Amino acid sequence: MLRNIQLNHGGKYVCVIDTDVESLSTSAILVVKGPPGPPDKVAVEEITDSTAQLSWTPGRDNGSPITGYIIQARTPFTVGWQAVDTVPEVVNGNMLTATVVGLNAWVEYEFRVVARNIVGLGEPSPASAKTRTEDAIPDTAPTDVGGGGGTKSELVITWEPLSEELQNGEGFGYIIAFRSVGMVKWTRAIISTPGVSRYVLRNDTIRPFSPFDVKVAAFNNRGEGPFSSIATVYSAEDVPSVAPKMVRARSLSAAEIEVIWEILPSLPERVLGYE
């Protein structure tokens, strides 16, 4: 009985029985099968803004033919290695090249290849050299566009900034477009700071608590990306400009007074309550 068998235990074995009368022997070839060895020389042959053409050399099959390969990638933004999509979708054991698809533009990637056979998955190959995908126009719009608040004559616009992984190139920034609700023409503002998530428009002509249509897009040196969906954002409020009228009071008891006033008409400022 061979215990804790390893691949290097494979080979020819001879069993001999000796007695005083005679000696008998027989032999057998023992084949030990295991997962494939690691592939080698993983290289990026060609790269675009979203694809990478890879090649590699096979490792040892360890007694069982290699049935397929899995390609993995990692970037500065991922936690460890992640399996990636390829063309063809299934990379069989006879292939030594494949195209990785669905990559993010302007991101530095490393790739490695794992072989498999009927026994299981083998050890991964050494990582390829780090290679950056080409830049491209941003293809993702900022999310959570909103805002509001601020001080008098201000329109405050906020959004969730895009991560560095989605900026797709150098010269990154944001385009903020806004207009009064009901108007046709958009006004645009440019912010060239990637991490900014807030824009404040200050203009004395802005009426308190007025609704605005707002949308935000990203841009880089290659061009402008898509705009977010339109959000409604209200300009900053102002204190009520009119005091309540017809204020009167009457005694209800030794400890209570009832105060009565006339409700204010519609004002440019929102009235939340009375004091």
Foldseek 3Di string as FASTA:
>chain_A
DDPPDDLVVWAKDKDWDDDPVGIDMDMDGGQDAAWFAAWEDWEFPDAAQFKTKIFTGGGGRRRFQWFFKWKWKDFPPDDDIDTFAWVVRTGTRVDGIIMTGGAHAFTKMKMWMWIGGPRGIYDIYDIYPIDHHHADWQADAWAPWEFEADDPQKFKIFTHADDPSRQRDAQKWKKKWKDFPPDDDIDIDIDRDRRDGMDMDGDNPAQAFGKMWIWMWMGGPRGTYDIDDIDIYTYHADDDPDDWPPWDWDDDDPPDIDIDTDDDDDDSGDDPDDD
